Amino acid sequence: MNFNRLLIIRHGEKPGDPAVDAPTDGINLSTKGYERAGALAPYVHATFGAPDFLFATKESKHSNRPVETITPLAKAIKLDIDDEFADNEYDKLAAKLQSDNKYAGKQILICWHHGTIPELVTALGYTPPVGHWPPASFDRVWVIENTDATGATAPVQNVAQRLLFGDASE
């Protein structure tokens, strides 16, 4: 992997019961999800610096939440969101990131659906910090950093966002 830092987040909160992996009442974020999306833009910039590339899952009949979650960030840093891949095409995204030299030395942010984030991390050649992203967890950033010129990496970090009331402290 030739990137400098990779940030992976889940989309913001969805309508309905977030503790259940069931269909929701629409494809958009809930009010709290839009609040998280707005808070993410300054948080990402202040904590990690502006990403060089943004990726989100393609809109489906069930969700446009990943794109909606990072739209405020995209507008703030004037970057387009690459949403060419569907949720189950995480392997194609991983192959693109691993094969295209334009990502060398860059910071990349990916917003995906929680059910396939561990598989995305595995497809990238890393070990996820947990095997299953909890259905009610919207407040994490998984951080992958290349630590030296050989491409050696540190373990995937599972960082608390601490953006909204009720977010986990660790």
N, C-alpha and C. Protein backbone atom coordinates (compact mmCIF):
# COMPACT_ATOMS: atom_id res chain seq x y z
N MET A 1 0.85 -1.17 0.00
CA MET A 1 0.00 0.00 0.00
C MET A 1 0.89 1.23 0.00
N ASN A 2 0.56 2.18 -0.81
CA ASN A 2 1.45 3.32 -0.96
C ASN A 2 0.88 4.64 -0.45
N PHE A 3 -0.27 4.63 0.19
CA PHE A 3 -0.82 5.86 0.76
C PHE A 3 -0.05 6.24 2.02
N ASN A 4 -0.24 7.46 2.48
CA ASN A 4 0.35 7.90 3.74
C ASN A 4 -0.55 7.54 4.91
N ARG A 5 -1.83 7.90 4.80
CA ARG A 5 -2.80 7.61 5.87
C ARG A 5 -4.15 7.32 5.24
N LEU A 6 -4.83 6.33 5.79
CA LEU A 6 -6.17 5.97 5.34
C LEU A 6 -7.11 6.07 6.53
N LEU A 7 -8.18 6.84 6.36
CA LEU A 7 -9.20 7.00 7.39
C LEU A 7 -10.47 6.32 6.89
N ILE A 8 -11.03 5.44 7.70
CA ILE A 8 -12.26 4.74 7.31
C ILE A 8 -13.32 5.02 8.37
N ILE A 9 -14.46 5.53 7.90
CA ILE A 9 -15.57 5.82 8.81
C ILE A 9 -16.84 5.16 8.30
N ARG A 10 -17.76 4.99 9.21
CA ARG A 10 -19.10 4.55 8.85
C ARG A 10 -19.91 5.80 8.58
N HIS A 11 -20.94 5.67 7.77
CA HIS A 11 -21.85 6.79 7.55
C HIS A 11 -22.50 7.21 8.87
N GLY A 12 -23.09 8.41 8.88
CA GLY A 12 -23.78 8.92 10.05
C GLY A 12 -25.06 8.14 10.33
N GLU A 13 -25.68 8.49 11.44
CA GLU A 13 -26.86 7.80 11.92
C GLU A 13 -27.97 7.75 10.88
N LYS A 14 -28.72 6.66 10.93
CA LYS A 14 -29.81 6.41 10.00
C LYS A 14 -31.14 6.50 10.74
N PRO A 15 -32.24 6.66 10.00
CA PRO A 15 -33.55 6.67 10.64
C PRO A 15 -33.86 5.29 11.22
N GLY A 16 -34.76 5.25 12.18
CA GLY A 16 -35.14 3.98 12.78
C GLY A 16 -34.20 3.61 13.90
N ASP A 17 -34.22 2.35 14.30
CA ASP A 17 -33.42 1.86 15.41
C ASP A 17 -32.02 1.53 14.92
N PRO A 18 -31.00 2.31 15.33
CA PRO A 18 -29.65 2.07 14.84
C PRO A 18 -29.03 0.79 15.37
N ALA A 19 -29.62 0.18 16.41
CA ALA A 19 -29.07 -1.03 16.98
C ALA A 19 -29.48 -2.27 16.19
N VAL A 20 -30.28 -2.08 15.17
CA VAL A 20 -30.79 -3.21 14.40
C VAL A 20 -30.27 -3.11 12.96
N ASP A 21 -29.84 -4.23 12.41
CA ASP A 21 -29.36 -4.26 11.03
C ASP A 21 -30.51 -4.47 10.06
N ALA A 22 -31.59 -3.76 10.25
CA ALA A 22 -32.78 -3.93 9.41
C ALA A 22 -32.94 -2.73 8.49
N PRO A 23 -33.71 -2.87 7.43
CA PRO A 23 -34.00 -1.71 6.57
C PRO A 23 -34.56 -0.55 7.40
N THR A 24 -34.30 0.64 6.94
CA THR A 24 -34.72 1.83 7.67
C THR A 24 -35.84 2.54 6.92
N ASP A 25 -36.21 3.67 7.45
CA ASP A 25 -37.27 4.48 6.85
C ASP A 25 -36.70 5.45 5.83
N GLY A 26 -36.00 4.97 4.84
CA GLY A 26 -35.46 5.83 3.80
C GLY A 26 -33.97 5.67 3.61
N ILE A 27 -33.48 6.32 2.57
CA ILE A 27 -32.06 6.16 2.20
C ILE A 27 -31.17 7.25 2.79
N ASN A 28 -31.77 8.24 3.45
CA ASN A 28 -31.01 9.40 3.91
C ASN A 28 -30.63 9.28 5.38
N LEU A 29 -29.76 10.19 5.80
CA LEU A 29 -29.38 10.28 7.21
C LEU A 29 -30.54 10.74 8.06
N SER A 30 -30.48 10.40 9.34
CA SER A 30 -31.43 10.96 10.31
C SER A 30 -30.94 12.36 10.68
N THR A 31 -31.70 13.06 11.51
CA THR A 31 -31.28 14.39 11.97
C THR A 31 -29.93 14.30 12.66
N LYS A 32 -29.76 13.30 13.53
CA LYS A 32 -28.47 13.15 14.21
C LYS A 32 -27.36 12.81 13.20
N GLY A 33 -27.69 12.06 12.18
CA GLY A 33 -26.71 11.74 11.14
C GLY A 33 -26.24 12.99 10.41
N TYR A 34 -27.17 13.90 10.13
CA TYR A 34 -26.77 15.17 9.49
C TYR A 34 -25.93 16.01 10.44
N GLU A 35 -26.24 15.95 11.74
CA GLU A 35 -25.42 16.67 12.72
C GLU A 35 -23.99 16.11 12.72
N ARG A 36 -23.88 14.79 12.67
CA ARG A 36 -22.55 14.17 12.64
C ARG A 36 -21.81 14.57 11.37
N ALA A 37 -22.50 14.55 10.25
CA ALA A 37 -21.87 14.93 8.98
C ALA A 37 -21.30 16.35 9.06
N GLY A 38 -22.07 17.26 9.64
CA GLY A 38 -21.60 18.63 9.78
C GLY A 38 -20.41 18.74 10.73
N ALA A 39 -20.42 17.95 11.79
CA ALA A 39 -19.32 17.99 12.77
C ALA A 39 -18.06 17.29 12.26
N LEU A 40 -18.21 16.35 11.33
CA LEU A 40 -17.06 15.62 10.80
C LEU A 40 -16.10 16.52 10.03
N ALA A 41 -16.64 17.47 9.29
CA ALA A 41 -15.77 18.31 8.45
C ALA A 41 -14.68 19.01 9.27
N PRO A 42 -15.02 19.77 10.30
CA PRO A 42 -13.94 20.41 11.07
C PRO A 42 -13.12 19.40 11.88
N TYR A 43 -13.75 18.33 12.34
CA TYR A 43 -13.03 17.31 13.11
C TYR A 43 -11.93 16.66 12.27
N VAL A 44 -12.27 16.19 11.09
CA VAL A 44 -11.27 15.53 10.24
C VAL A 44 -10.15 16.49 9.91
N HIS A 45 -10.50 17.69 9.52
CA HIS A 45 -9.47 18.67 9.14
C HIS A 45 -8.56 18.99 10.31
N ALA A 46 -9.13 19.22 11.51
CA ALA A 46 -8.32 19.59 12.67
C ALA A 46 -7.52 18.41 13.23
N THR A 47 -8.06 17.23 13.17
CA THR A 47 -7.41 16.06 13.78
C THR A 47 -6.40 15.39 12.86
N PHE A 48 -6.73 15.27 11.59
CA PHE A 48 -5.90 14.51 10.67
C PHE A 48 -5.34 15.34 9.50
N GLY A 49 -5.90 16.52 9.29
CA GLY A 49 -5.56 17.31 8.11
C GLY A 49 -6.52 16.97 6.98
N ALA A 50 -6.54 17.79 5.98
CA ALA A 50 -7.47 17.60 4.87
C ALA A 50 -7.09 16.37 4.06
N PRO A 51 -8.06 15.48 3.80
CA PRO A 51 -7.78 14.35 2.91
C PRO A 51 -7.49 14.83 1.49
N ASP A 52 -6.73 14.01 0.78
CA ASP A 52 -6.45 14.28 -0.63
C ASP A 52 -7.48 13.63 -1.55
N PHE A 53 -8.12 12.57 -1.05
CA PHE A 53 -9.14 11.84 -1.82
C PHE A 53 -10.26 11.40 -0.89
N LEU A 54 -11.49 11.44 -1.41
CA LEU A 54 -12.67 11.01 -0.66
C LEU A 54 -13.39 9.91 -1.44
N PHE A 55 -13.75 8.84 -0.74
CA PHE A 55 -14.51 7.75 -1.32
C PHE A 55 -15.73 7.45 -0.46
N ALA A 56 -16.83 7.08 -1.12
CA ALA A 56 -18.04 6.65 -0.43
C ALA A 56 -18.72 5.59 -1.29
N THR A 57 -19.56 4.79 -0.67
CA THR A 57 -20.29 3.80 -1.45
C THR A 57 -21.27 4.49 -2.37
N LYS A 58 -21.52 3.84 -3.49
CA LYS A 58 -22.49 4.32 -4.47
C LYS A 58 -23.89 4.28 -3.85
N GLU A 59 -24.71 5.24 -4.22
CA GLU A 59 -26.10 5.26 -3.76
C GLU A 59 -26.80 3.98 -4.21
N SER A 60 -27.58 3.41 -3.29
CA SER A 60 -28.38 2.23 -3.61
C SER A 60 -29.84 2.53 -3.28
N LYS A 61 -30.71 1.60 -3.53
CA LYS A 61 -32.13 1.82 -3.20
C LYS A 61 -32.35 1.85 -1.69
N HIS A 62 -31.33 1.42 -0.91
CA HIS A 62 -31.45 1.40 0.55
C HIS A 62 -30.69 2.52 1.25
N SER A 63 -29.71 3.14 0.57
CA SER A 63 -28.89 4.12 1.29
C SER A 63 -28.10 5.04 0.36
N ASN A 64 -28.09 6.32 0.75
CA ASN A 64 -27.15 7.29 0.20
C ASN A 64 -26.39 7.94 1.36
N ARG A 65 -26.42 7.30 2.53
CA ARG A 65 -25.85 7.87 3.74
C ARG A 65 -24.33 8.08 3.68
N PRO A 66 -23.53 7.20 3.09
CA PRO A 66 -22.09 7.48 3.04
C PRO A 66 -21.76 8.78 2.29
N VAL A 67 -22.38 9.00 1.15
CA VAL A 67 -22.14 10.25 0.41
C VAL A 67 -22.62 11.44 1.23
N GLU A 68 -23.82 11.34 1.81
CA GLU A 68 -24.35 12.45 2.61
C GLU A 68 -23.45 12.76 3.80
N THR A 69 -22.84 11.74 4.39
CA THR A 69 -22.00 11.93 5.57
C THR A 69 -20.76 12.76 5.26
N ILE A 70 -20.16 12.57 4.11
CA ILE A 70 -18.91 13.30 3.83
C ILE A 70 -19.11 14.48 2.87
N THR A 71 -20.35 14.76 2.50
CA THR A 71 -20.59 15.92 1.63
C THR A 71 -20.16 17.24 2.27
N PRO A 72 -20.46 17.50 3.56
CA PRO A 72 -19.96 18.76 4.15
C PRO A 72 -18.44 18.86 4.13
N LEU A 73 -17.75 17.76 4.36
CA LEU A 73 -16.29 17.77 4.30
C LEU A 73 -15.83 18.04 2.87
N ALA A 74 -16.45 17.37 1.91
CA ALA A 74 -16.08 17.57 0.50
C ALA A 74 -16.25 19.03 0.09
N LYS A 75 -17.33 19.65 0.51
CA LYS A 75 -17.56 21.06 0.18
C LYS A 75 -16.53 21.96 0.86
N ALA A 76 -16.21 21.65 2.12
CA ALA A 76 -15.27 22.49 2.88
C ALA A 76 -13.87 22.45 2.29
N ILE A 77 -13.45 21.28 1.78
CA ILE A 77 -12.09 21.18 1.25
C ILE A 77 -12.06 21.15 -0.28
N LYS A 78 -13.24 21.35 -0.87
CA LYS A 78 -13.38 21.46 -2.33
C LYS A 78 -12.84 20.23 -3.08
N LEU A 79 -13.29 19.05 -2.64
CA LEU A 79 -12.93 17.80 -3.29
C LEU A 79 -14.20 17.08 -3.75
N ASP A 80 -14.09 16.37 -4.84
CA ASP A 80 -15.18 15.51 -5.28
C ASP A 80 -15.16 14.21 -4.48
N ILE A 81 -16.33 13.59 -4.37
CA ILE A 81 -16.45 12.29 -3.73
C ILE A 81 -16.50 11.23 -4.83
N ASP A 82 -15.61 10.27 -4.77
CA ASP A 82 -15.62 9.14 -5.70
C ASP A 82 -16.58 8.10 -5.13
N ASP A 83 -17.71 7.91 -5.80
CA ASP A 83 -18.70 6.94 -5.33
C ASP A 83 -19.02 5.92 -6.42
N GLU A 84 -17.99 5.47 -7.11
CA GLU A 84 -18.19 4.54 -8.22
C GLU A 84 -18.45 3.11 -7.78
N PHE A 85 -18.13 2.77 -6.52
CA PHE A 85 -18.24 1.38 -6.09
C PHE A 85 -19.42 1.17 -5.14
N ALA A 86 -20.14 0.07 -5.35
CA ALA A 86 -21.23 -0.32 -4.46
C ALA A 86 -20.64 -0.90 -3.18
N ASP A 87 -21.46 -1.00 -2.16
CA ASP A 87 -21.03 -1.49 -0.85
C ASP A 87 -20.31 -2.83 -0.94
N ASN A 88 -20.82 -3.74 -1.75
CA ASN A 88 -20.21 -5.07 -1.85
C ASN A 88 -19.02 -5.12 -2.81
N GLU A 89 -18.61 -3.97 -3.37
CA GLU A 89 -17.45 -3.89 -4.26
C GLU A 89 -16.22 -3.33 -3.55
N TYR A 90 -16.14 -3.56 -2.25
CA TYR A 90 -15.00 -3.08 -1.47
C TYR A 90 -13.68 -3.63 -2.01
N ASP A 91 -13.71 -4.85 -2.57
CA ASP A 91 -12.49 -5.43 -3.13
C ASP A 91 -12.00 -4.63 -4.35
N LYS A 92 -12.94 -4.09 -5.13
CA LYS A 92 -12.55 -3.27 -6.29
C LYS A 92 -11.95 -1.95 -5.83
N LEU A 93 -12.51 -1.36 -4.77
CA LEU A 93 -11.92 -0.13 -4.22
C LEU A 93 -10.51 -0.43 -3.70
N ALA A 94 -10.35 -1.52 -2.97
CA ALA A 94 -9.03 -1.88 -2.44
C ALA A 94 -8.02 -2.05 -3.58
N ALA A 95 -8.43 -2.72 -4.65
CA ALA A 95 -7.53 -2.92 -5.80
C ALA A 95 -7.15 -1.58 -6.43
N LYS A 96 -8.11 -0.68 -6.54
CA LYS A 96 -7.83 0.64 -7.12
C LYS A 96 -6.81 1.39 -6.27
N LEU A 97 -7.01 1.39 -4.96
CA LEU A 97 -6.10 2.11 -4.07
C LEU A 97 -4.70 1.51 -4.08
N GLN A 98 -4.62 0.20 -4.26
CA GLN A 98 -3.33 -0.48 -4.23
C GLN A 98 -2.58 -0.40 -5.56
N SER A 99 -3.30 -0.16 -6.65
CA SER A 99 -2.65 -0.22 -7.96
C SER A 99 -2.36 1.13 -8.61
N ASP A 100 -3.01 2.19 -8.14
CA ASP A 100 -2.85 3.50 -8.79
C ASP A 100 -1.86 4.36 -7.99
N ASN A 101 -0.77 4.74 -8.62
CA ASN A 101 0.26 5.52 -7.94
C ASN A 101 -0.16 6.93 -7.56
N LYS A 102 -1.30 7.40 -8.06
CA LYS A 102 -1.73 8.75 -7.67
C LYS A 102 -2.08 8.82 -6.18
N TYR A 103 -2.25 7.67 -5.53
CA TYR A 103 -2.56 7.65 -4.10
C TYR A 103 -1.30 7.58 -3.23
N ALA A 104 -0.13 7.46 -3.87
CA ALA A 104 1.13 7.35 -3.14
C ALA A 104 1.37 8.59 -2.27
N GLY A 105 1.63 8.36 -1.00
CA GLY A 105 1.92 9.45 -0.09
C GLY A 105 0.75 10.33 0.26
N LYS A 106 -0.44 9.94 -0.08
CA LYS A 106 -1.63 10.77 0.12
C LYS A 106 -2.47 10.28 1.31
N GLN A 107 -3.34 11.17 1.77
CA GLN A 107 -4.31 10.82 2.80
C GLN A 107 -5.67 10.60 2.15
N ILE A 108 -6.29 9.49 2.48
CA ILE A 108 -7.54 9.08 1.86
C ILE A 108 -8.58 8.85 2.95
N LEU A 109 -9.79 9.35 2.73
CA LEU A 109 -10.90 9.07 3.64
C LEU A 109 -11.94 8.27 2.88
N ILE A 110 -12.39 7.18 3.52
CA ILE A 110 -13.42 6.31 2.96
C ILE A 110 -14.60 6.29 3.92
N CYS A 111 -15.81 6.50 3.40
CA CYS A 111 -17.03 6.38 4.19
C CYS A 111 -17.82 5.22 3.60
N TRP A 112 -18.08 4.20 4.41
CA TRP A 112 -18.66 2.96 3.92
C TRP A 112 -19.76 2.49 4.85
N HIS A 113 -20.37 1.38 4.53
CA HIS A 113 -21.38 0.75 5.39
C HIS A 113 -20.68 -0.18 6.37
N HIS A 114 -21.16 -0.18 7.61
CA HIS A 114 -20.47 -0.91 8.67
C HIS A 114 -20.34 -2.41 8.42
N GLY A 115 -21.29 -3.00 7.74
CA GLY A 115 -21.28 -4.45 7.53
C GLY A 115 -20.12 -4.95 6.71
N THR A 116 -19.55 -4.10 5.85
CA THR A 116 -18.44 -4.54 5.00
C THR A 116 -17.13 -3.80 5.27
N ILE A 117 -17.10 -2.92 6.27
CA ILE A 117 -15.84 -2.23 6.58
C ILE A 117 -14.74 -3.21 6.98
N PRO A 118 -15.01 -4.21 7.85
CA PRO A 118 -13.92 -5.16 8.15
C PRO A 118 -13.41 -5.89 6.91
N GLU A 119 -14.29 -6.24 5.98
CA GLU A 119 -13.86 -6.90 4.75
C GLU A 119 -13.04 -5.96 3.87
N LEU A 120 -13.40 -4.67 3.84
CA LEU A 120 -12.62 -3.68 3.11
C LEU A 120 -11.21 -3.61 3.67
N VAL A 121 -11.09 -3.53 4.98
CA VAL A 121 -9.77 -3.46 5.62
C VAL A 121 -8.96 -4.71 5.30
N THR A 122 -9.59 -5.87 5.34
CA THR A 122 -8.91 -7.12 5.00
C THR A 122 -8.47 -7.13 3.54
N ALA A 123 -9.34 -6.65 2.64
CA ALA A 123 -9.00 -6.58 1.22
C ALA A 123 -7.80 -5.66 0.97
N LEU A 124 -7.62 -4.68 1.83
CA LEU A 124 -6.49 -3.78 1.73
C LEU A 124 -5.20 -4.40 2.29
N GLY A 125 -5.34 -5.57 2.93
CA GLY A 125 -4.17 -6.27 3.45
C GLY A 125 -3.90 -6.03 4.92
N TYR A 126 -4.87 -5.56 5.67
CA TYR A 126 -4.71 -5.25 7.08
C TYR A 126 -5.65 -6.09 7.92
N THR A 127 -5.41 -6.12 9.21
CA THR A 127 -6.27 -6.82 10.15
C THR A 127 -7.17 -5.81 10.84
N PRO A 128 -8.50 -5.95 10.70
CA PRO A 128 -9.41 -5.02 11.36
C PRO A 128 -9.24 -5.06 12.88
N PRO A 129 -9.43 -3.93 13.57
CA PRO A 129 -9.30 -3.94 15.03
C PRO A 129 -10.40 -4.74 15.72
N VAL A 130 -11.54 -4.91 15.06
CA VAL A 130 -12.61 -5.78 15.53
C VAL A 130 -13.16 -6.51 14.31
N GLY A 131 -13.69 -7.70 14.53
CA GLY A 131 -14.17 -8.51 13.42
C GLY A 131 -15.51 -8.08 12.86
N HIS A 132 -16.30 -7.39 13.68
CA HIS A 132 -17.63 -6.95 13.26
C HIS A 132 -17.86 -5.54 13.79
N TRP A 133 -18.21 -4.62 12.90
CA TRP A 133 -18.50 -3.25 13.30
C TRP A 133 -19.89 -3.26 13.94
N PRO A 134 -20.02 -2.85 15.21
CA PRO A 134 -21.32 -2.92 15.89
C PRO A 134 -22.38 -2.07 15.18
N PRO A 135 -23.60 -2.59 15.04
CA PRO A 135 -24.66 -1.88 14.31
C PRO A 135 -25.00 -0.50 14.88
N ALA A 136 -24.85 -0.29 16.17
CA ALA A 136 -25.21 0.99 16.77
C ALA A 136 -24.03 1.96 16.87
N SER A 137 -22.89 1.61 16.29
CA SER A 137 -21.69 2.44 16.38
C SER A 137 -21.51 3.29 15.13
N PHE A 138 -21.59 4.60 15.33
CA PHE A 138 -21.42 5.56 14.23
C PHE A 138 -20.25 6.51 14.49
N ASP A 139 -19.56 6.33 15.61
CA ASP A 139 -18.63 7.34 16.12
C ASP A 139 -17.17 6.87 16.15
N ARG A 140 -16.77 6.09 15.16
CA ARG A 140 -15.40 5.58 15.12
C ARG A 140 -14.69 6.02 13.84
N VAL A 141 -13.37 6.08 13.91
CA VAL A 141 -12.51 6.25 12.74
C VAL A 141 -11.45 5.16 12.83
N TRP A 142 -11.39 4.33 11.80
CA TRP A 142 -10.29 3.36 11.74
C TRP A 142 -9.18 4.03 10.94
N VAL A 143 -8.00 4.08 11.53
CA VAL A 143 -6.87 4.79 10.96
C VAL A 143 -5.77 3.79 10.62
N ILE A 144 -5.33 3.83 9.36
CA ILE A 144 -4.22 3.00 8.90
C ILE A 144 -3.12 3.95 8.44
N GLU A 145 -1.93 3.79 9.00
CA GLU A 145 -0.82 4.68 8.61
C GLU A 145 0.38 3.86 8.15
N ASN A 146 0.97 4.29 7.05
CA ASN A 146 2.28 3.77 6.67
C ASN A 146 3.29 4.48 7.54
N THR A 147 4.19 3.72 8.15
CA THR A 147 5.08 4.32 9.14
C THR A 147 6.50 4.54 8.66
N ASP A 148 6.88 3.96 7.53
CA ASP A 148 8.24 4.21 7.03
C ASP A 148 8.29 4.06 5.51
N ALA A 149 9.43 4.33 4.96
CA ALA A 149 9.59 4.34 3.50
C ALA A 149 9.41 2.97 2.87
N THR A 150 9.53 1.89 3.65
CA THR A 150 9.38 0.55 3.10
C THR A 150 7.91 0.16 2.95
N GLY A 151 7.00 1.00 3.47
CA GLY A 151 5.58 0.66 3.41
C GLY A 151 5.12 -0.12 4.61
N ALA A 152 5.99 -0.32 5.60
CA ALA A 152 5.58 -1.00 6.83
C ALA A 152 4.48 -0.17 7.51
N THR A 153 3.59 -0.85 8.16
CA THR A 153 2.45 -0.16 8.77
C THR A 153 2.32 -0.49 10.24
N ALA A 154 1.69 0.41 10.95
CA ALA A 154 1.29 0.18 12.33
C ALA A 154 -0.07 -0.54 12.30
N PRO A 155 -0.48 -1.13 13.41
CA PRO A 155 -1.81 -1.75 13.44
C PRO A 155 -2.91 -0.72 13.16
N VAL A 156 -4.06 -1.21 12.71
CA VAL A 156 -5.20 -0.35 12.47
C VAL A 156 -5.68 0.20 13.81
N GLN A 157 -5.76 1.52 13.90
CA GLN A 157 -6.23 2.15 15.12
C GLN A 157 -7.75 2.33 15.06
N ASN A 158 -8.41 2.17 16.18
CA ASN A 158 -9.85 2.35 16.30
C ASN A 158 -10.07 3.58 17.19
N VAL A 159 -10.27 4.75 16.57
CA VAL A 159 -10.27 6.03 17.26
C VAL A 159 -11.70 6.54 17.48
N ALA A 160 -11.98 7.01 18.69
CA ALA A 160 -13.29 7.60 18.99
C ALA A 160 -13.37 8.99 18.40
N GLN A 161 -14.49 9.31 17.75
CA GLN A 161 -14.68 10.65 17.19
C GLN A 161 -14.99 11.68 18.28
N ARG A 162 -15.84 11.32 19.22
CA ARG A 162 -16.26 12.23 20.30
C ARG A 162 -16.84 13.53 19.75
N LEU A 163 -17.75 13.43 18.81
CA LEU A 163 -18.33 14.61 18.16
C LEU A 163 -19.66 15.04 18.74
N LEU A 164 -20.51 14.08 19.10
CA LEU A 164 -21.86 14.38 19.52
C LEU A 164 -22.14 13.81 20.91
N PHE A 165 -23.14 14.36 21.55
CA PHE A 165 -23.57 13.85 22.85
C PHE A 165 -23.90 12.37 22.71
N GLY A 166 -23.37 11.57 23.60
CA GLY A 166 -23.60 10.13 23.56
C GLY A 166 -22.53 9.33 22.86
N ASP A 167 -21.59 10.00 22.19
CA ASP A 167 -20.48 9.28 21.55
C ASP A 167 -19.61 8.64 22.61
N ALA A 168 -18.98 7.52 22.27
CA ALA A 168 -18.08 6.83 23.18
C ALA A 168 -16.86 7.68 23.47
N SER A 169 -16.35 7.60 24.68
CA SER A 169 -15.16 8.38 25.02
C SER A 169 -13.89 7.67 24.58
N GLU A 170 -13.92 6.39 24.41
CA GLU A 170 -12.76 5.61 23.94
C GLU A 170 -13.21 4.52 23.03
